[in-house]
Amino acid sequence: MSDIESEKNETAPAEAERELTAEDYNRIAEDAARVAGEILGFFPEVESPRVEWRVEDDSTIWIDIEGDSSGRLIGRRGQTIEAFQHVLSKIVSHTLRRKITIHVDSEGYKRRQRDKLVALAVQTADYVAATSEARALEPMTPAERRIVHMTLRSREDVITASEGREPSRFVVIWPRGEE
């Protein structure tokens, strides 16, 4: 029985609501990495993956997957890795009876995508501030939209808003004062 399963069996409902410690997050991350490795066994196109884990800011769990063909895990526009991340988070959350968010990256894909989104957000905001013309970005996932909003939230010359309906929601960057 895994550590996650044994914690589920030993944890009373009141105990499930206690605040998790850094040690708890480290144990959860280690178990989540093991579960991720087991799930990857069902992906024959991902050969010999190396699964590592880290905990940032004492509570943000990252599972990093690298290997010969782990880039295939990313999928079109990151859809496969997002689905993998969702399933892994659900498995761990269900087992522990509490919401646990786990971020999964493969070959630095998410880091590169984040860097591109930040650059796009700043470049577009600079254009909007200079021209006073609002600009709509391409449709994005909720996580991508959040990166744009968080990147520009401290700017005093522009504001952001999400518009449209899923799966085609997008961010609009407006000059401040013309919203």
Protein backbone atom coordinates (compact mmCIF):
# COMPACT_ATOMS: atom_id res chain seq x y z
CA MET A 1 0.00 0.00 0.00
CA SER A 2 1.41 3.43 -0.92
CA ASP A 3 2.06 6.16 1.61
CA ILE A 4 -0.84 8.12 0.12
CA GLU A 5 -3.21 5.17 0.59
CA SER A 6 -2.04 4.50 4.12
CA GLU A 7 -2.54 8.16 5.04
CA LYS A 8 -6.10 7.97 3.67
CA ASN A 9 -6.86 4.94 5.82
CA GLU A 10 -5.29 6.42 8.94
CA THR A 11 -6.65 9.96 8.61
CA ALA A 12 -9.86 10.78 10.41
CA PRO A 13 -12.12 13.38 8.75
CA ALA A 14 -11.07 16.06 11.26
CA GLU A 15 -7.42 15.19 10.68
CA ALA A 16 -7.92 15.59 6.91
CA GLU A 17 -8.57 19.29 7.52
CA ARG A 18 -5.39 19.97 9.48
CA GLU A 19 -2.85 22.27 7.88
CA LEU A 20 -0.16 20.42 5.98
CA THR A 21 3.46 20.89 6.93
CA ALA A 22 6.46 21.18 4.61
CA GLU A 23 7.27 17.59 5.51
CA ASP A 24 3.75 16.53 4.48
CA TYR A 25 4.14 18.27 1.12
CA ASN A 26 7.50 16.58 0.56
CA ARG A 27 5.95 13.17 1.27
CA ILE A 28 2.97 13.92 -0.98
CA ALA A 29 5.28 15.10 -3.78
CA GLU A 30 7.40 11.96 -3.51
CA ASP A 31 4.30 9.74 -3.64
CA ALA A 32 2.83 11.78 -6.52
CA ALA A 33 6.05 11.30 -8.49
CA ARG A 34 5.82 7.55 -7.93
CA VAL A 35 2.17 7.52 -9.07
CA ALA A 36 3.12 9.62 -12.12
CA GLY A 37 5.78 7.06 -13.01
CA GLU A 38 3.22 4.26 -12.72
CA ILE A 39 0.77 6.12 -14.96
CA LEU A 40 3.51 6.75 -17.52
CA GLY A 41 3.84 3.00 -17.80
CA PHE A 42 0.61 3.15 -19.81
CA PHE A 43 2.23 5.50 -22.36
CA PRO A 44 4.29 3.17 -24.56
CA GLU A 45 5.55 6.11 -26.61
CA VAL A 46 7.24 7.61 -23.52
CA GLU A 47 10.30 5.45 -23.07
CA SER A 48 12.40 5.41 -19.88
CA PRO A 49 11.02 8.58 -18.30
CA ARG A 50 12.89 10.12 -15.40
CA VAL A 51 10.39 11.48 -12.87
CA GLU A 52 11.60 13.97 -10.29
CA TRP A 53 9.73 16.10 -7.79
CA ARG A 54 10.20 19.36 -5.94
CA VAL A 55 8.21 21.50 -3.55
CA GLU A 56 8.40 25.26 -4.01
CA ASP A 57 7.32 27.83 -1.43
CA ASP A 58 6.60 24.96 1.00
CA SER A 59 3.36 23.98 -0.76
CA THR A 60 3.65 24.08 -4.56
CA ILE A 61 4.29 20.57 -5.85
CA TRP A 62 6.08 20.13 -9.18
CA ILE A 63 6.58 16.83 -10.97
CA ASP A 64 9.25 17.05 -13.68
CA ILE A 65 9.34 14.36 -16.36
CA GLU A 66 12.35 14.00 -18.62
CA GLY A 67 13.69 11.32 -20.88
CA ASP A 68 14.29 10.20 -24.43
CA SER A 69 10.76 10.77 -25.68
CA SER A 70 9.00 12.51 -22.80
CA GLY A 71 8.32 15.46 -25.11
CA ARG A 72 5.53 13.34 -26.58
CA LEU A 73 3.76 13.68 -23.24
CA ILE A 74 3.25 17.37 -23.98
CA GLY A 75 0.78 16.80 -26.81
CA ARG A 76 -0.73 19.39 -29.12
CA ARG A 77 -0.55 22.83 -27.47
CA GLY A 78 0.18 21.12 -24.16
CA GLN A 79 -3.20 19.39 -23.95
CA THR A 80 -1.82 15.96 -23.04
CA ILE A 81 0.38 17.22 -20.23
CA GLU A 82 -2.49 19.36 -18.90
CA ALA A 83 -4.76 16.30 -18.86
CA PHE A 84 -2.03 14.23 -17.18
CA GLN A 85 -1.60 16.97 -14.56
CA HIS A 86 -5.36 17.08 -13.95
CA VAL A 87 -5.65 13.30 -13.52
CA LEU A 88 -2.63 13.17 -11.19
CA SER A 89 -3.99 16.02 -9.05
CA LYS A 90 -7.39 14.32 -8.85
CA ILE A 91 -5.89 10.97 -7.83
CA VAL A 92 -3.83 12.54 -5.06
CA SER A 93 -6.65 14.85 -3.91
CA HIS A 94 -9.16 12.01 -3.81
CA THR A 95 -6.80 9.75 -1.91
CA LEU A 96 -5.98 12.42 0.68
CA ARG A 97 -9.55 13.78 0.78
CA ARG A 98 -8.32 17.34 0.28
CA LYS A 99 -7.52 19.50 -2.75
CA ILE A 100 -3.90 19.17 -3.75
CA THR A 101 -2.66 20.98 -6.84
CA ILE A 102 0.21 19.34 -8.63
CA HIS A 103 2.03 20.95 -11.53
CA VAL A 104 3.55 18.63 -14.13
CA ASP A 105 6.24 19.71 -16.58
CA SER A 106 8.08 17.80 -19.29
CA GLU A 107 11.41 18.86 -20.76
CA GLY A 108 10.88 22.42 -19.43
CA TYR A 109 7.83 22.92 -21.69
CA LYS A 110 5.75 24.83 -19.14
CA ARG A 111 8.65 27.07 -18.15
CA ARG A 112 9.23 27.98 -21.83
CA GLN A 113 5.50 28.56 -22.40
CA ARG A 114 5.29 30.76 -19.31
CA ASP A 115 8.26 32.82 -20.50
CA LYS A 116 6.62 33.27 -23.93
CA LEU A 117 3.31 34.33 -22.36
CA VAL A 118 5.00 36.83 -20.06
CA ALA A 119 6.88 38.33 -23.03
CA LEU A 120 3.67 38.48 -25.12
CA ALA A 121 1.75 40.11 -22.26
CA VAL A 122 4.41 42.77 -21.68
CA GLN A 123 4.87 43.47 -25.40
CA THR A 124 1.12 43.78 -25.96
CA ALA A 125 0.65 45.94 -22.86
CA ASP A 126 3.44 48.26 -24.06
CA TYR A 127 1.67 48.58 -27.43
CA VAL A 128 -1.70 49.24 -25.77
CA ALA A 129 -0.18 51.87 -23.46
CA ALA A 130 1.59 53.59 -26.38
CA THR A 131 -1.38 53.61 -28.79
CA SER A 132 -4.37 53.64 -26.40
CA GLU A 133 -5.84 50.81 -28.51
CA ALA A 134 -7.14 47.72 -26.75
CA ARG A 135 -5.79 44.39 -27.97
CA ALA A 136 -7.30 40.90 -27.69
CA LEU A 137 -4.96 37.94 -27.37
CA GLU A 138 -5.60 34.52 -28.87
CA PRO A 139 -7.82 32.09 -26.90
CA MET A 140 -5.99 30.55 -23.94
CA THR A 141 -6.48 28.01 -21.20
CA PRO A 142 -7.46 29.31 -17.76
CA ALA A 143 -3.89 28.78 -16.53
CA GLU A 144 -2.45 30.75 -19.45
CA ARG A 145 -4.93 33.61 -18.93
CA ARG A 146 -3.98 33.71 -15.27
CA ILE A 147 -0.30 34.13 -16.19
CA VAL A 148 -1.20 37.13 -18.38
CA HIS A 149 -3.39 38.69 -15.67
CA MET A 150 -0.76 38.16 -12.97
CA THR A 151 2.02 39.52 -15.17
CA LEU A 152 0.18 42.77 -15.84
CA ARG A 153 -1.68 43.28 -12.56
CA SER A 154 0.82 45.78 -11.15
CA ARG A 155 0.90 47.95 -14.27
CA GLU A 156 -0.82 51.29 -13.85
CA ASP A 157 -1.24 52.00 -17.56
CA VAL A 158 -3.30 48.93 -18.60
CA ILE A 159 -5.92 46.55 -17.27
CA THR A 160 -6.85 43.03 -18.36
CA ALA A 161 -10.12 41.15 -18.62
CA SER A 162 -11.06 37.68 -19.81
CA GLU A 163 -13.85 37.55 -22.36
CA GLY A 164 -15.66 34.93 -24.43
CA ARG A 165 -16.77 31.40 -23.59
CA GLU A 166 -14.72 28.28 -23.01
CA PRO A 167 -12.88 26.86 -24.81
CA SER A 168 -12.39 30.15 -26.66
CA ARG A 169 -11.93 32.56 -23.75
CA PHE A 170 -9.26 35.16 -24.34
CA VAL A 171 -7.63 38.10 -22.59
CA VAL A 172 -8.22 41.69 -23.65
CA ILE A 173 -5.68 44.29 -22.60
CA TRP A 174 -7.19 47.77 -22.27
CA PRO A 175 -5.57 51.13 -21.70
CA ARG A 176 -6.42 52.16 -18.14
CA GLY A 177 -9.21 54.69 -18.08
CA GLU A 178 -10.93 53.35 -21.22
CA GLU A 179 -12.37 50.19 -19.72
